[in-house]
Amino acid sequence: MAARAQFLREYKLVVVGGGGVGKSALTIQFFNNHFVAGYDPTIEDSYRKRCVIDDEVAILDVLDTAGQEEYRAMRAQYMLGAEGFLLVYSITDRDSFDELGTFYEEILRVKDQDSFPMILVANKCDLEYERQVSRNDGRDLANRYGCGFLEASAKERINVDEAYFGLVREIKKYNKEQQTGRPSLAPNGRVISGAYNPKAQGDDTPGCCAGCVVL
């Protein structure tokens, strides 16, 4: 008897954020397992990888995008086909954190949705001594966006896989909610938001990524 063909689910992910926040470094670390130290502005790079996430074999199709303002006209085109977004900022650059609102609002406008699968990624958490954005600020923003949050380091490979895998889980949860018309509920009846972890809220102790994964 011939073996039954296995269907591979493909997930189209897009990495967005300002220039120099480490979007390419995160993506290359995830796909190629090495850290790129130099900053070479990206226009658009695409990567594919076969992964096993929660016992499901999946193909991750990831688009690494330009963060520079001069490439803004290209955003709507790549946003249209995406199923989920990694919103990346650098903890060492307050401006990169503040400008995420532009990306967030544009995603919702292009998708014509009130919410969409996203993960907020605070990169460069290994540079604690240069920190300009606190973990609480990151958690608060993710809570407002209703999305997951984590601090990561492309250099030290901290929470790199978790960012991409977490986004796939957000997509699966979102699609299920779209099919059933009901959000996921916690045991207490409240809507589950990937952005908020009561145990972690208010924890702003020093140290790279301490208690920062909220997915």
C-alpha atoms as a PDB file:
ATOM      1  CA  MET A   1       0.000   0.000   0.000  1.00  0.00           C
ATOM      2  CA  ALA A   2       1.479   3.337  -1.004  1.00  0.00           C
ATOM      3  CA  ALA A   3       2.326   5.741   1.758  1.00  0.00           C
ATOM      4  CA  ARG A   4      -0.164   8.564   2.071  1.00  0.00           C
ATOM      5  CA  ALA A   5       1.244  11.881   0.884  1.00  0.00           C
ATOM      6  CA  GLN A   6       1.786  14.349   3.691  1.00  0.00           C
ATOM      7  CA  PHE A   7       0.386  17.844   3.259  1.00  0.00           C
ATOM      8  CA  LEU A   8       2.871  20.527   4.228  1.00  0.00           C
ATOM      9  CA  ARG A   9       1.292  23.739   5.491  1.00  0.00           C
ATOM     10  CA  GLU A  10       3.120  26.838   4.309  1.00  0.00           C
ATOM     11  CA  TYR A  11       3.156  29.991   6.434  1.00  0.00           C
ATOM     12  CA  LYS A  12       4.008  33.342   4.861  1.00  0.00           C
ATOM     13  CA  LEU A  13       5.724  35.516   7.468  1.00  0.00           C
ATOM     14  CA  VAL A  14       7.042  39.051   7.076  1.00  0.00           C
ATOM     15  CA  VAL A  15       9.650  40.768   9.259  1.00  0.00           C
ATOM     16  CA  VAL A  16       9.138  44.532   9.627  1.00  0.00           C
ATOM     17  CA  GLY A  17      10.744  47.310  11.634  1.00  0.00           C
ATOM     18  CA  GLY A  18      13.050  50.280  11.311  1.00  0.00           C
ATOM     19  CA  GLY A  19      16.486  50.233   9.748  1.00  0.00           C
ATOM     20  CA  GLY A  20      19.336  48.763  11.775  1.00  0.00           C
ATOM     21  CA  VAL A  21      17.205  46.937  14.373  1.00  0.00           C
ATOM     22  CA  GLY A  22      18.560  43.525  13.355  1.00  0.00           C
ATOM     23  CA  LYS A  23      15.753  42.111  11.203  1.00  0.00           C
ATOM     24  CA  SER A  24      18.206  40.471   8.799  1.00  0.00           C
ATOM     25  CA  ALA A  25      20.417  39.268  11.652  1.00  0.00           C
ATOM     26  CA  LEU A  26      17.442  37.538  13.292  1.00  0.00           C
ATOM     27  CA  THR A  27      16.337  35.985  10.014  1.00  0.00           C
ATOM     28  CA  ILE A  28      19.804  34.763   9.003  1.00  0.00           C
ATOM     29  CA  GLN A  29      20.381  33.368  12.494  1.00  0.00           C
ATOM     30  CA  PHE A  30      17.113  31.456  12.250  1.00  0.00           C
ATOM     31  CA  PHE A  31      17.730  30.061   8.775  1.00  0.00           C
ATOM     32  CA  ASN A  32      21.520  29.711   8.633  1.00  0.00           C
ATOM     33  CA  ASN A  33      22.549  29.466  12.299  1.00  0.00           C
ATOM     34  CA  HIS A  34      25.115  32.233  12.231  1.00  0.00           C
ATOM     35  CA  PHE A  35      25.274  35.893  13.202  1.00  0.00           C
ATOM     36  CA  VAL A  36      25.877  38.674  10.698  1.00  0.00           C
ATOM     37  CA  ALA A  37      27.530  41.557  12.528  1.00  0.00           C
ATOM     38  CA  GLY A  38      27.710  44.171   9.761  1.00  0.00           C
ATOM     39  CA  TYR A  39      24.699  46.295   8.829  1.00  0.00           C
ATOM     40  CA  ASP A  40      23.884  46.048   5.133  1.00  0.00           C
ATOM     41  CA  PRO A  41      20.514  47.700   4.379  1.00  0.00           C
ATOM     42  CA  THR A  42      18.058  45.133   3.003  1.00  0.00           C
ATOM     43  CA  ILE A  43      15.629  45.878   0.202  1.00  0.00           C
ATOM     44  CA  GLU A  44      13.870  42.520   0.233  1.00  0.00           C
ATOM     45  CA  ASP A  45      15.146  38.984   0.923  1.00  0.00           C
ATOM     46  CA  SER A  46      13.103  35.795   0.986  1.00  0.00           C
ATOM     47  CA  TYR A  47      13.902  32.583   2.890  1.00  0.00           C
ATOM     48  CA  ARG A  48      12.239  29.171   3.168  1.00  0.00           C
ATOM     49  CA  LYS A  49      12.700  26.530   5.839  1.00  0.00           C
ATOM     50  CA  ARG A  50      11.017  23.253   6.766  1.00  0.00           C
ATOM     51  CA  CYS A  51      10.246  23.052  10.489  1.00  0.00           C
ATOM     52  CA  VAL A  52       8.358  20.919  12.967  1.00  0.00           C
ATOM     53  CA  ILE A  53       6.147  23.070  15.188  1.00  0.00           C
ATOM     54  CA  ASP A  54       3.912  21.375  17.751  1.00  0.00           C
ATOM     55  CA  ASP A  55       4.209  18.062  15.872  1.00  0.00           C
ATOM     56  CA  GLU A  56       3.167  19.700  12.611  1.00  0.00           C
ATOM     57  CA  VAL A  57       5.575  19.786   9.672  1.00  0.00           C
ATOM     58  CA  ALA A  58       5.454  23.259   8.161  1.00  0.00           C
ATOM     59  CA  ILE A  59       7.236  25.362   5.565  1.00  0.00           C
ATOM     60  CA  LEU A  60       8.104  28.851   6.760  1.00  0.00           C
ATOM     61  CA  ASP A  61       8.339  31.357   3.925  1.00  0.00           C
ATOM     62  CA  VAL A  62       9.871  34.475   5.468  1.00  0.00           C
ATOM     63  CA  LEU A  63      10.271  37.865   3.819  1.00  0.00           C
ATOM     64  CA  ASP A  64      12.894  40.154   5.349  1.00  0.00           C
ATOM     65  CA  THR A  65      12.023  43.728   4.438  1.00  0.00           C
ATOM     66  CA  ALA A  66      13.597  47.159   4.226  1.00  0.00           C
ATOM     67  CA  GLY A  67      13.090  49.470   7.170  1.00  0.00           C
ATOM     68  CA  GLN A  68      14.246  52.665   5.507  1.00  0.00           C
ATOM     69  CA  GLU A  69      11.588  55.285   4.796  1.00  0.00           C
ATOM     70  CA  GLU A  70      12.499  55.473   1.094  1.00  0.00           C
ATOM     71  CA  TYR A  71      11.153  51.929   0.650  1.00  0.00           C
ATOM     72  CA  ARG A  72       7.799  52.670   2.259  1.00  0.00           C
ATOM     73  CA  ALA A  73       5.966  52.474  -1.072  1.00  0.00           C
ATOM     74  CA  MET A  74       6.797  48.752  -1.239  1.00  0.00           C
ATOM     75  CA  ARG A  75       5.177  47.887   2.093  1.00  0.00           C
ATOM     76  CA  ALA A  76       1.561  47.506   1.045  1.00  0.00           C
ATOM     77  CA  GLN A  77       2.518  45.002  -1.645  1.00  0.00           C
ATOM     78  CA  TYR A  78       4.329  42.591   0.672  1.00  0.00           C
ATOM     79  CA  MET A  79       1.862  43.102   3.501  1.00  0.00           C
ATOM     80  CA  LEU A  80      -1.054  41.945   1.356  1.00  0.00           C
ATOM     81  CA  GLY A  81       0.194  38.376   1.015  1.00  0.00           C
ATOM     82  CA  ALA A  82       1.473  37.924   4.565  1.00  0.00           C
ATOM     83  CA  GLU A  83      -0.217  35.711   7.159  1.00  0.00           C
ATOM     84  CA  GLY A  84       1.696  37.121  10.115  1.00  0.00           C
ATOM     85  CA  PHE A  85       4.262  39.733  11.063  1.00  0.00           C
ATOM     86  CA  LEU A  86       7.289  40.015  13.321  1.00  0.00           C
ATOM     87  CA  LEU A  87       7.435  43.643  14.502  1.00  0.00           C
ATOM     88  CA  VAL A  88      11.088  44.198  15.426  1.00  0.00           C
ATOM     89  CA  TYR A  89      12.724  47.025  17.322  1.00  0.00           C
ATOM     90  CA  SER A  90      16.059  47.382  19.085  1.00  0.00           C
ATOM     91  CA  ILE A  91      16.186  47.843  22.848  1.00  0.00           C
ATOM     92  CA  THR A  92      19.147  50.198  22.219  1.00  0.00           C
ATOM     93  CA  ASP A  93      17.176  52.523  19.932  1.00  0.00           C
ATOM     94  CA  ARG A  94      14.149  54.325  21.334  1.00  0.00           C
ATOM     95  CA  ASP A  95      13.223  55.736  17.922  1.00  0.00           C
ATOM     96  CA  SER A  96      12.900  52.218  16.488  1.00  0.00           C
ATOM     97  CA  PHE A  97      10.409  51.435  19.244  1.00  0.00           C
ATOM     98  CA  ASP A  98       8.425  54.616  18.737  1.00  0.00           C
ATOM     99  CA  GLU A  99       8.067  54.109  14.970  1.00  0.00           C
ATOM    100  CA  LEU A 100       6.472  50.657  15.279  1.00  0.00           C
ATOM    101  CA  GLY A 101       3.073  52.293  15.473  1.00  0.00           C
ATOM    102  CA  THR A 102       3.432  53.283  11.812  1.00  0.00           C
ATOM    103  CA  PHE A 103       4.019  49.660  10.781  1.00  0.00           C
ATOM    104  CA  TYR A 104       1.223  48.382  13.012  1.00  0.00           C
ATOM    105  CA  GLU A 105      -1.361  50.819  11.687  1.00  0.00           C
ATOM    106  CA  GLU A 106      -0.339  50.180   8.091  1.00  0.00           C
ATOM    107  CA  ILE A 107      -0.692  46.406   8.534  1.00  0.00           C
ATOM    108  CA  LEU A 108      -4.233  46.760   9.872  1.00  0.00           C
ATOM    109  CA  ARG A 109      -5.124  49.222   7.126  1.00  0.00           C
ATOM    110  CA  VAL A 110      -3.794  47.002   4.321  1.00  0.00           C
ATOM    111  CA  LYS A 111      -5.401  43.903   5.837  1.00  0.00           C
ATOM    112  CA  ASP A 112      -8.613  45.798   6.617  1.00  0.00           C
ATOM    113  CA  GLN A 113      -8.746  44.132  10.026  1.00  0.00           C
ATOM    114  CA  ASP A 114      -8.973  45.262  13.643  1.00  0.00           C
ATOM    115  CA  SER A 115      -6.322  42.705  14.612  1.00  0.00           C
ATOM    116  CA  PHE A 116      -3.900  40.376  12.853  1.00  0.00           C
ATOM    117  CA  PRO A 117      -1.268  37.770  13.877  1.00  0.00           C
ATOM    118  CA  MET A 118       1.859  39.556  15.111  1.00  0.00           C
ATOM    119  CA  ILE A 119       4.720  39.087  17.548  1.00  0.00           C
ATOM    120  CA  LEU A 120       6.552  42.078  19.005  1.00  0.00           C
ATOM    121  CA  VAL A 121      10.300  41.311  19.112  1.00  0.00           C
ATOM    122  CA  ALA A 122      12.712  43.417  21.162  1.00  0.00           C
ATOM    123  CA  ASN A 123      16.075  42.605  19.583  1.00  0.00           C
ATOM    124  CA  LYS A 124      19.625  43.091  20.906  1.00  0.00           C
ATOM    125  CA  CYS A 125      18.777  42.124  24.490  1.00  0.00           C
ATOM    126  CA  ASP A 126      22.454  41.140  24.910  1.00  0.00           C
ATOM    127  CA  LEU A 127      23.266  44.879  24.913  1.00  0.00           C
ATOM    128  CA  GLU A 128      21.719  45.531  28.312  1.00  0.00           C
ATOM    129  CA  TYR A 129      24.192  48.309  29.099  1.00  0.00           C
ATOM    130  CA  GLU A 130      22.912  50.246  26.049  1.00  0.00           C
ATOM    131  CA  ARG A 131      19.209  49.718  26.798  1.00  0.00           C
ATOM    132  CA  GLN A 132      16.880  52.611  25.962  1.00  0.00           C
ATOM    133  CA  VAL A 133      13.580  50.677  25.995  1.00  0.00           C
ATOM    134  CA  SER A 134      12.507  48.843  29.140  1.00  0.00           C
ATOM    135  CA  ARG A 135      10.879  45.419  29.101  1.00  0.00           C
ATOM    136  CA  ASN A 136       7.764  46.930  30.660  1.00  0.00           C
ATOM    137  CA  ASP A 137       7.513  49.380  27.753  1.00  0.00           C
ATOM    138  CA  GLY A 138       7.675  46.438  25.347  1.00  0.00           C
ATOM    139  CA  ARG A 139       5.057  44.467  27.265  1.00  0.00           C
ATOM    140  CA  ASP A 140       2.750  47.477  27.466  1.00  0.00           C
ATOM    141  CA  LEU A 141       2.954  48.071  23.720  1.00  0.00           C
ATOM    142  CA  ALA A 142       2.313  44.389  22.956  1.00  0.00           C
ATOM    143  CA  ASN A 143      -0.659  44.496  25.311  1.00  0.00           C
ATOM    144  CA  ARG A 144      -2.084  47.468  23.394  1.00  0.00           C
ATOM    145  CA  TYR A 145      -1.533  45.638  20.110  1.00  0.00           C
ATOM    146  CA  GLY A 146      -2.989  42.406  21.514  1.00  0.00           C
ATOM    147  CA  CYS A 147       0.013  40.393  20.383  1.00  0.00           C
ATOM    148  CA  GLY A 148       2.828  38.270  21.813  1.00  0.00           C
ATOM    149  CA  PHE A 149       6.069  39.797  23.086  1.00  0.00           C
ATOM    150  CA  LEU A 150       9.602  38.594  23.637  1.00  0.00           C
ATOM    151  CA  GLU A 151      13.106  39.948  23.929  1.00  0.00           C
ATOM    152  CA  ALA A 152      15.663  38.355  21.645  1.00  0.00           C
ATOM    153  CA  SER A 153      19.291  38.453  20.622  1.00  0.00           C
ATOM    154  CA  ALA A 154      20.330  37.505  17.115  1.00  0.00           C
ATOM    155  CA  LYS A 155      23.966  37.564  18.244  1.00  0.00           C
ATOM    156  CA  GLU A 156      23.480  35.160  21.169  1.00  0.00           C
ATOM    157  CA  ARG A 157      20.623  33.242  19.487  1.00  0.00           C
ATOM    158  CA  ILE A 158      18.229  34.010  22.329  1.00  0.00           C
ATOM    159  CA  ASN A 159      14.517  33.524  21.546  1.00  0.00           C
ATOM    160  CA  VAL A 160      15.185  33.466  17.807  1.00  0.00           C
ATOM    161  CA  ASP A 161      13.349  30.213  17.083  1.00  0.00           C
ATOM    162  CA  GLU A 162      10.712  31.155  19.644  1.00  0.00           C
ATOM    163  CA  ALA A 163       9.882  34.331  17.695  1.00  0.00           C
ATOM    164  CA  TYR A 164       9.188  32.561  14.411  1.00  0.00           C
ATOM    165  CA  PHE A 165       7.513  29.523  15.976  1.00  0.00           C
ATOM    166  CA  GLY A 166       5.427  31.790  18.199  1.00  0.00           C
ATOM    167  CA  LEU A 167       4.182  33.695  15.180  1.00  0.00           C
ATOM    168  CA  VAL A 168       3.095  30.453  13.495  1.00  0.00           C
ATOM    169  CA  ARG A 169       1.121  29.585  16.628  1.00  0.00           C
ATOM    170  CA  GLU A 170      -0.504  33.023  16.546  1.00  0.00           C
ATOM    171  CA  ILE A 171      -1.508  32.443  12.913  1.00  0.00           C
ATOM    172  CA  LYS A 172      -3.020  29.062  13.738  1.00  0.00           C
ATOM    173  CA  LYS A 173      -4.950  30.555  16.658  1.00  0.00           C
ATOM    174  CA  TYR A 174      -6.156  33.460  14.528  1.00  0.00           C
ATOM    175  CA  ASN A 175      -7.317  31.175  11.717  1.00  0.00           C
ATOM    176  CA  LYS A 176      -9.188  28.977  14.182  1.00  0.00           C
ATOM    177  CA  GLU A 177     -10.934  32.015  15.639  1.00  0.00           C
ATOM    178  CA  GLN A 178     -11.877  33.178  12.144  1.00  0.00           C
ATOM    179  CA  GLN A 179     -13.424  29.785  11.406  1.00  0.00           C
ATOM    180  CA  THR A 180     -15.350  29.509  14.657  1.00  0.00           C
ATOM    181  CA  GLY A 181     -16.075  33.191  15.112  1.00  0.00           C
ATOM    182  CA  ARG A 182     -15.030  32.921  18.763  1.00  0.00           C
ATOM    183  CA  PRO A 183     -11.798  34.003  20.463  1.00  0.00           C
ATOM    184  CA  SER A 184      -9.864  31.562  22.635  1.00  0.00           C
ATOM    185  CA  LEU A 185     -10.880  31.782  26.282  1.00  0.00           C
ATOM    186  CA  ALA A 186      -8.926  31.229  29.459  1.00  0.00           C
ATOM    187  CA  PRO A 187     -10.466  29.115  32.264  1.00  0.00           C
ATOM    188  CA  ASN A 188     -11.759  32.287  33.920  1.00  0.00           C
ATOM    189  CA  GLY A 189     -13.680  33.182  30.767  1.00  0.00           C
ATOM    190  CA  ARG A 190     -11.441  36.069  29.729  1.00  0.00           C
ATOM    191  CA  VAL A 191     -10.108  36.372  26.190  1.00  0.00           C
ATOM    192  CA  ILE A 192      -6.578  35.030  25.916  1.00  0.00           C
ATOM    193  CA  SER A 193      -4.136  37.666  24.717  1.00  0.00           C
ATOM    194  CA  GLY A 194      -0.631  36.589  23.832  1.00  0.00           C
ATOM    195  CA  ALA A 195       0.644  39.998  24.889  1.00  0.00           C
ATOM    196  CA  TYR A 196       0.076  39.851  28.613  1.00  0.00           C
ATOM    197  CA  ASN A 197       1.573  37.747  31.350  1.00  0.00           C
ATOM    198  CA  PRO A 198       0.433  38.828  34.817  1.00  0.00           C
ATOM    199  CA  LYS A 199       3.394  37.113  36.483  1.00  0.00           C
ATOM    200  CA  ALA A 200       5.836  39.026  34.339  1.00  0.00           C
ATOM    201  CA  GLN A 201       4.076  42.388  34.505  1.00  0.00           C
ATOM    202  CA  GLY A 202       6.083  44.866  36.527  1.00  0.00           C
ATOM    203  CA  ASP A 203       9.243  42.750  36.354  1.00  0.00           C
ATOM    204  CA  ASP A 204      11.882  45.127  35.074  1.00  0.00           C
ATOM    205  CA  THR A 205      14.937  43.632  36.728  1.00  0.00           C
ATOM    206  CA  PRO A 206      18.255  43.876  34.874  1.00  0.00           C
ATOM    207  CA  GLY A 207      19.647  41.011  32.884  1.00  0.00           C
ATOM    208  CA  CYS A 208      19.152  39.796  29.340  1.00  0.00           C
ATOM    209  CA  CYS A 209      15.637  38.585  28.632  1.00  0.00           C
ATOM    210  CA  ALA A 210      14.758  37.693  32.225  1.00  0.00           C
ATOM    211  CA  GLY A 211      11.133  36.604  32.226  1.00  0.00           C
ATOM    212  CA  CYS A 212      10.474  38.287  28.909  1.00  0.00           C
ATOM    213  CA  VAL A 213       8.824  35.578  26.808  1.00  0.00           C
ATOM    214  CA  VAL A 214       5.087  36.191  26.675  1.00  0.00           C
ATOM    215  CA  LEU A 215       3.542  34.077  23.932  1.00  0.00           C
END
